[in-house]
């Protein structure tokens, strides 16, 4: 019973992290802003850190099965 929420949370974190990372990389390669009105370097860095953190949280949830 307890593995159901861990699987759900892990999938949500992994999907969000992967989608955010893919979107950030795509925007950065096209030299388009990741966030409006923010330094390009800062926005790519923050979005990348959030994406990697979400992926790490997803992996952590999967280790709790």
PDB file of N, CA and C in Angstrom:
ATOM      1  N   UNK A   1       0.804  -1.189   0.000  1.00  0.00           N
ATOM      2  CA  UNK A   1       0.000   0.000   0.000  1.00  0.00           C
ATOM      3  C   UNK A   1       0.853   1.260   0.000  1.00  0.00           C
ATOM      4  N   UNK A   2       1.960   1.236   0.677  1.00  0.00           N
ATOM      5  CA  UNK A   2       2.770   2.435   0.800  1.00  0.00           C
ATOM      6  C   UNK A   2       3.579   2.723  -0.454  1.00  0.00           C
ATOM      7  N   UNK A   3       3.749   1.757  -1.335  1.00  0.00           N
ATOM      8  CA  UNK A   3       4.549   1.994  -2.521  1.00  0.00           C
ATOM      9  C   UNK A   3       3.777   2.792  -3.577  1.00  0.00           C
ATOM     10  N   UNK A   4       2.448   2.782  -3.519  1.00  0.00           N
ATOM     11  CA  UNK A   4       1.641   3.526  -4.490  1.00  0.00           C
ATOM     12  C   UNK A   4       1.932   5.020  -4.487  1.00  0.00           C
ATOM     13  N   UNK A   5       1.875   5.696  -3.333  1.00  0.00           N
ATOM     14  CA  UNK A   5       2.188   7.117  -3.310  1.00  0.00           C
ATOM     15  C   UNK A   5       3.640   7.420  -3.697  1.00  0.00           C
ATOM     16  N   UNK A   6       4.561   6.539  -3.348  1.00  0.00           N
ATOM     17  CA  UNK A   6       5.968   6.771  -3.705  1.00  0.00           C
ATOM     18  C   UNK A   6       6.155   6.678  -5.216  1.00  0.00           C
ATOM     19  N   UNK A   7       5.481   5.730  -5.842  1.00  0.00           N
ATOM     20  CA  UNK A   7       5.575   5.606  -7.301  1.00  0.00           C
ATOM     21  C   UNK A   7       4.958   6.824  -7.965  1.00  0.00           C
ATOM     22  N   UNK A   8       3.794   7.256  -7.486  1.00  0.00           N
ATOM     23  CA  UNK A   8       3.131   8.425  -8.056  1.00  0.00           C
ATOM     24  C   UNK A   8       3.999   9.675  -7.915  1.00  0.00           C
ATOM     25  N   UNK A   9       4.493   9.924  -6.713  1.00  0.00           N
ATOM     26  CA  UNK A   9       5.318  11.112  -6.474  1.00  0.00           C
ATOM     27  C   UNK A   9       6.604  11.046  -7.291  1.00  0.00           C
ATOM     28  N   UNK A  10       7.221   9.881  -7.358  1.00  0.00           N
ATOM     29  CA  UNK A  10       8.441   9.735  -8.155  1.00  0.00           C
ATOM     30  C   UNK A  10       8.201  10.014  -9.619  1.00  0.00           C
ATOM     31  N   UNK A  11       7.094   9.528 -10.157  1.00  0.00           N
ATOM     32  CA  UNK A  11       6.774   9.772 -11.566  1.00  0.00           C
ATOM     33  C   UNK A  11       6.491  11.245 -11.825  1.00  0.00           C
ATOM     34  N   UNK A  12       5.769  11.890 -10.914  1.00  0.00           N
ATOM     35  CA  UNK A  12       5.469  13.311 -11.087  1.00  0.00           C
ATOM     36  C   UNK A  12       6.750  14.129 -11.074  1.00  0.00           C
ATOM     37  N   UNK A  13       7.616  13.883 -10.105  1.00  0.00           N
ATOM     38  CA  UNK A  13       8.877  14.621 -10.037  1.00  0.00           C
ATOM     39  C   UNK A  13       9.743  14.360 -11.267  1.00  0.00           C
ATOM     40  N   UNK A  14       9.843  13.112 -11.695  1.00  0.00           N
ATOM     41  CA  UNK A  14      10.681  12.790 -12.857  1.00  0.00           C
ATOM     42  C   UNK A  14      10.131  13.387 -14.144  1.00  0.00           C
ATOM     43  N   UNK A  15       8.829  13.320 -14.334  1.00  0.00           N
ATOM     44  CA  UNK A  15       8.247  13.907 -15.542  1.00  0.00           C
ATOM     45  C   UNK A  15       8.403  15.422 -15.567  1.00  0.00           C
ATOM     46  N   UNK A  16       8.166  16.063 -14.419  1.00  0.00           N
ATOM     47  CA  UNK A  16       8.335  17.508 -14.357  1.00  0.00           C
ATOM     48  C   UNK A  16       9.787  17.902 -14.599  1.00  0.00           C
ATOM     49  N   UNK A  17      10.714  17.220 -13.939  1.00  0.00           N
ATOM     50  CA  UNK A  17      12.135  17.542 -14.104  1.00  0.00           C
ATOM     51  C   UNK A  17      12.612  17.328 -15.530  1.00  0.00           C
ATOM     52  N   UNK A  18      12.203  16.222 -16.146  1.00  0.00           N
ATOM     53  CA  UNK A  18      12.618  15.952 -17.519  1.00  0.00           C
ATOM     54  C   UNK A  18      12.032  16.961 -18.491  1.00  0.00           C
ATOM     55  N   UNK A  19      10.755  17.315 -18.313  1.00  0.00           N
ATOM     56  CA  UNK A  19      10.121  18.291 -19.201  1.00  0.00           C
ATOM     57  C   UNK A  19      10.754  19.675 -19.037  1.00  0.00           C
ATOM     58  N   UNK A  20      11.006  20.079 -17.812  1.00  0.00           N
ATOM     59  CA  UNK A  20      11.625  21.383 -17.577  1.00  0.00           C
ATOM     60  C   UNK A  20      13.045  21.430 -18.132  1.00  0.00           C
ATOM     61  N   UNK A  21      13.787  20.353 -17.960  1.00  0.00           N
ATOM     62  CA  UNK A  21      15.151  20.313 -18.486  1.00  0.00           C
ATOM     63  C   UNK A  21      15.146  20.353 -20.010  1.00  0.00           C
ATOM     64  N   UNK A  22      14.256  19.595 -20.636  1.00  0.00           N
ATOM     65  CA  UNK A  22      14.172  19.600 -22.099  1.00  0.00           C
ATOM     66  C   UNK A  22      13.763  20.970 -22.621  1.00  0.00           C
ATOM     67  N   UNK A  23      12.799  21.608 -21.962  1.00  0.00           N
ATOM     68  CA  UNK A  23      12.348  22.929 -22.390  1.00  0.00           C
ATOM     69  C   UNK A  23      13.457  23.975 -22.222  1.00  0.00           C
ATOM     70  N   UNK A  24      14.173  23.904 -21.115  1.00  0.00           N
ATOM     71  CA  UNK A  24      15.256  24.856 -20.862  1.00  0.00           C
ATOM     72  C   UNK A  24      16.377  24.696 -21.878  1.00  0.00           C
ATOM     73  N   UNK A  25      16.759  23.467 -22.157  1.00  0.00           N
ATOM     74  CA  UNK A  25      17.831  23.225 -23.135  1.00  0.00           C
ATOM     75  C   UNK A  25      17.401  23.686 -24.518  1.00  0.00           C
ATOM     76  N   UNK A  26      16.152  23.415 -24.887  1.00  0.00           N
ATOM     77  CA  UNK A  26      15.660  23.833 -26.201  1.00  0.00           C
ATOM     78  C   UNK A  26      15.665  25.346 -26.328  1.00  0.00           C
ATOM     79  N   UNK A  27      15.182  26.041 -25.310  1.00  0.00           N
ATOM     80  CA  UNK A  27      15.163  27.511 -25.349  1.00  0.00           C
ATOM     81  C   UNK A  27      16.578  28.084 -25.377  1.00  0.00           C
ATOM     82  N   UNK A  28      17.484  27.487 -24.627  1.00  0.00           N
ATOM     83  CA  UNK A  28      18.862  27.994 -24.581  1.00  0.00           C
ATOM     84  C   UNK A  28      19.568  27.777 -25.921  1.00  0.00           C
ATOM     85  N   UNK A  29      19.338  26.637 -26.554  1.00  0.00           N
ATOM     86  CA  UNK A  29      19.970  26.379 -27.855  1.00  0.00           C
ATOM     87  C   UNK A  29      19.457  27.313 -28.938  1.00  0.00           C
ATOM     88  N   UNK A  30      18.213  27.743 -28.832  1.00  0.00           N
ATOM     89  CA  UNK A  30      17.630  28.646 -29.813  1.00  0.00           C
ATOM     90  C   UNK A  30      17.929  30.112 -29.499  1.00  0.00           C
ATOM     91  N   UNK A  31      18.675  30.358 -28.437  1.00  0.00           N
ATOM     92  CA  UNK A  31      19.014  31.710 -27.975  1.00  0.00           C
ATOM     93  C   UNK A  31      17.757  32.524 -27.714  1.00  0.00           C
ATOM     94  N   UNK A  32      16.761  31.869 -27.126  1.00  0.00           N
ATOM     95  CA  UNK A  32      15.530  32.527 -26.743  1.00  0.00           C
ATOM     96  C   UNK A  32      15.491  32.601 -25.220  1.00  0.00           C
ATOM     97  N   UNK A  33      14.777  33.574 -24.665  1.00  0.00           N
ATOM     98  CA  UNK A  33      14.760  33.705 -23.199  1.00  0.00           C
ATOM     99  C   UNK A  33      14.012  32.559 -22.531  1.00  0.00           C
ATOM    100  N   UNK A  34      14.550  32.110 -21.417  1.00  0.00           N
ATOM    101  CA  UNK A  34      13.882  31.092 -20.620  1.00  0.00           C
ATOM    102  C   UNK A  34      12.841  31.764 -19.729  1.00  0.00           C
ATOM    103  N   UNK A  35      13.136  32.948 -19.241  1.00  0.00           N
ATOM    104  CA  UNK A  35      12.196  33.741 -18.441  1.00  0.00           C
ATOM    105  C   UNK A  35      12.277  35.191 -18.918  1.00  0.00           C
ATOM    106  N   UNK A  36      11.152  35.816 -19.082  1.00  0.00           N
ATOM    107  CA  UNK A  36      11.116  37.194 -19.561  1.00  0.00           C
ATOM    108  C   UNK A  36      11.623  38.158 -18.491  1.00  0.00           C
ATOM    109  N   UNK A  37      12.451  39.093 -18.889  1.00  0.00           N
ATOM    110  CA  UNK A  37      12.914  40.134 -17.993  1.00  0.00           C
ATOM    111  C   UNK A  37      13.998  39.724 -17.021  1.00  0.00           C
ATOM    112  N   UNK A  38      14.603  38.564 -17.241  1.00  0.00           N
ATOM    113  CA  UNK A  38      15.645  38.072 -16.344  1.00  0.00           C
ATOM    114  C   UNK A  38      16.895  37.815 -17.186  1.00  0.00           C
ATOM    115  N   UNK A  39      18.048  37.918 -16.568  1.00  0.00           N
ATOM    116  CA  UNK A  39      19.298  37.615 -17.254  1.00  0.00           C
ATOM    117  C   UNK A  39      19.256  36.201 -17.828  1.00  0.00           C
ATOM    118  N   UNK A  40      19.672  36.036 -19.090  1.00  0.00           N
ATOM    119  CA  UNK A  40      19.635  34.696 -19.698  1.00  0.00           C
ATOM    120  C   UNK A  40      20.443  33.663 -18.924  1.00  0.00           C
ATOM    121  N   UNK A  41      21.586  34.048 -18.430  1.00  0.00           N
ATOM    122  CA  UNK A  41      22.433  33.109 -17.689  1.00  0.00           C
ATOM    123  C   UNK A  41      21.762  32.717 -16.381  1.00  0.00           C
ATOM    124  N   UNK A  42      21.197  33.684 -15.693  1.00  0.00           N
ATOM    125  CA  UNK A  42      20.534  33.391 -14.418  1.00  0.00           C
ATOM    126  C   UNK A  42      19.307  32.515 -14.615  1.00  0.00           C
ATOM    127  N   UNK A  43      18.524  32.802 -15.649  1.00  0.00           N
ATOM    128  CA  UNK A  43      17.306  32.017 -15.853  1.00  0.00           C
ATOM    129  C   UNK A  43      17.620  30.580 -16.255  1.00  0.00           C
ATOM    130  N   UNK A  44      18.625  30.372 -17.081  1.00  0.00           N
ATOM    131  CA  UNK A  44      19.016  29.006 -17.465  1.00  0.00           C
ATOM    132  C   UNK A  44      19.567  28.265 -16.251  1.00  0.00           C
ATOM    133  N   UNK A  45      20.350  28.948 -15.439  1.00  0.00           N
ATOM    134  CA  UNK A  45      20.932  28.321 -14.260  1.00  0.00           C
ATOM    135  C   UNK A  45      19.854  27.909 -13.257  1.00  0.00           C
ATOM    136  N   UNK A  46      18.944  28.802 -12.959  1.00  0.00           N
ATOM    137  CA  UNK A  46      17.895  28.494 -11.980  1.00  0.00           C
ATOM    138  C   UNK A  46      16.971  27.394 -12.507  1.00  0.00           C
ATOM    139  N   UNK A  47      16.569  27.484 -13.768  1.00  0.00           N
ATOM    140  CA  UNK A  47      15.690  26.459 -14.336  1.00  0.00           C
ATOM    141  C   UNK A  47      16.399  25.109 -14.379  1.00  0.00           C
ATOM    142  N   UNK A  48      17.680  25.111 -14.699  1.00  0.00           N
ATOM    143  CA  UNK A  48      18.439  23.861 -14.714  1.00  0.00           C
ATOM    144  C   UNK A  48      18.566  23.250 -13.331  1.00  0.00           C
ATOM    145  N   UNK A  49      18.807  24.083 -12.328  1.00  0.00           N
ATOM    146  CA  UNK A  49      18.909  23.581 -10.957  1.00  0.00           C
ATOM    147  C   UNK A  49      17.579  23.021 -10.462  1.00  0.00           C
ATOM    148  N   UNK A  50      16.488  23.685 -10.789  1.00  0.00           N
ATOM    149  CA  UNK A  50      15.172  23.191 -10.384  1.00  0.00           C
ATOM    150  C   UNK A  50      14.879  21.861 -11.076  1.00  0.00           C
ATOM    151  N   UNK A  51      15.234  21.743 -12.355  1.00  0.00           N
ATOM    152  CA  UNK A  51      14.997  20.502 -13.084  1.00  0.00           C
ATOM    153  C   UNK A  51      15.813  19.352 -12.509  1.00  0.00           C
ATOM    154  N   UNK A  52      17.076  19.597 -12.234  1.00  0.00           N
ATOM    155  CA  UNK A  52      17.929  18.543 -11.672  1.00  0.00           C
ATOM    156  C   UNK A  52      17.459  18.166 -10.269  1.00  0.00           C
ATOM    157  N   UNK A  53      17.011  19.150  -9.494  1.00  0.00           N
ATOM    158  CA  UNK A  53      16.486  18.865  -8.161  1.00  0.00           C
ATOM    159  C   UNK A  53      15.224  18.009  -8.241  1.00  0.00           C
ATOM    160  N   UNK A  54      14.350  18.312  -9.176  1.00  0.00           N
ATOM    161  CA  UNK A  54      13.135  17.514  -9.336  1.00  0.00           C
ATOM    162  C   UNK A  54      13.478  16.087  -9.754  1.00  0.00           C
ATOM    163  N   UNK A  55      14.444  15.926 -10.647  1.00  0.00           N
ATOM    164  CA  UNK A  55      14.863  14.583 -11.044  1.00  0.00           C
ATOM    165  C   UNK A  55      15.475  13.827  -9.865  1.00  0.00           C
ATOM    166  N   UNK A  56      16.256  14.520  -9.053  1.00  0.00           N
ATOM    167  CA  UNK A  56      16.850  13.876  -7.881  1.00  0.00           C
ATOM    168  C   UNK A  56      15.773  13.478  -6.867  1.00  0.00           C
ATOM    169  N   UNK A  57      14.770  14.318  -6.669  1.00  0.00           N
ATOM    170  CA  UNK A  57      13.672  13.972  -5.765  1.00  0.00           C
ATOM    171  C   UNK A  57      12.883  12.776  -6.288  1.00  0.00           C
ATOM    172  N   UNK A  58      12.694  12.708  -7.595  1.00  0.00           N
ATOM    173  CA  UNK A  58      12.022  11.557  -8.180  1.00  0.00           C
ATOM    174  C   UNK A  58      12.808  10.281  -7.968  1.00  0.00           C
ATOM    175  N   UNK A  59      14.124  10.354  -8.166  1.00  0.00           N
ATOM    176  CA  UNK A  59      14.970   9.180  -7.934  1.00  0.00           C
ATOM    177  C   UNK A  59      14.939   8.781  -6.466  1.00  0.00           C
ATOM    178  N   UNK A  60      14.927   9.760  -5.570  1.00  0.00           N
ATOM    179  CA  UNK A  60      14.862   9.463  -4.141  1.00  0.00           C
ATOM    180  C   UNK A  60      13.547   8.762  -3.785  1.00  0.00           C
ATOM    181  N   UNK A  61      12.450   9.221  -4.390  1.00  0.00           N
ATOM    182  CA  UNK A  61      11.156   8.572  -4.138  1.00  0.00           C
ATOM    183  C   UNK A  61      11.184   7.119  -4.598  1.00  0.00           C
ATOM    184  N   UNK A  62      11.831   6.850  -5.718  1.00  0.00           N
ATOM    185  CA  UNK A  62      11.892   5.485  -6.214  1.00  0.00           C
ATOM    186  C   UNK A  62      12.780   4.592  -5.344  1.00  0.00           C
ATOM    187  N   UNK A  63      13.747   5.173  -4.648  1.00  0.00           N
ATOM    188  CA  UNK A  63      14.572   4.368  -3.748  1.00  0.00           C
ATOM    189  C   UNK A  63      13.821   3.995  -2.475  1.00  0.00           C
ATOM    190  N   UNK A  64      12.695   4.646  -2.198  1.00  0.00           N
ATOM    191  CA  UNK A  64      11.909   4.389  -0.999  1.00  0.00           C
ATOM    192  C   UNK A  64      10.887   3.276  -1.189  1.00  0.00           C
ATOM    193  N   UNK A  65      10.920   2.594  -2.310  1.00  0.00           N
ATOM    194  CA  UNK A  65       9.917   1.538  -2.567  1.00  0.00           C
ATOM    195  C   UNK A  65      10.183   0.330  -1.726  1.00  0.00           C
TER     196      UNK A  65
END
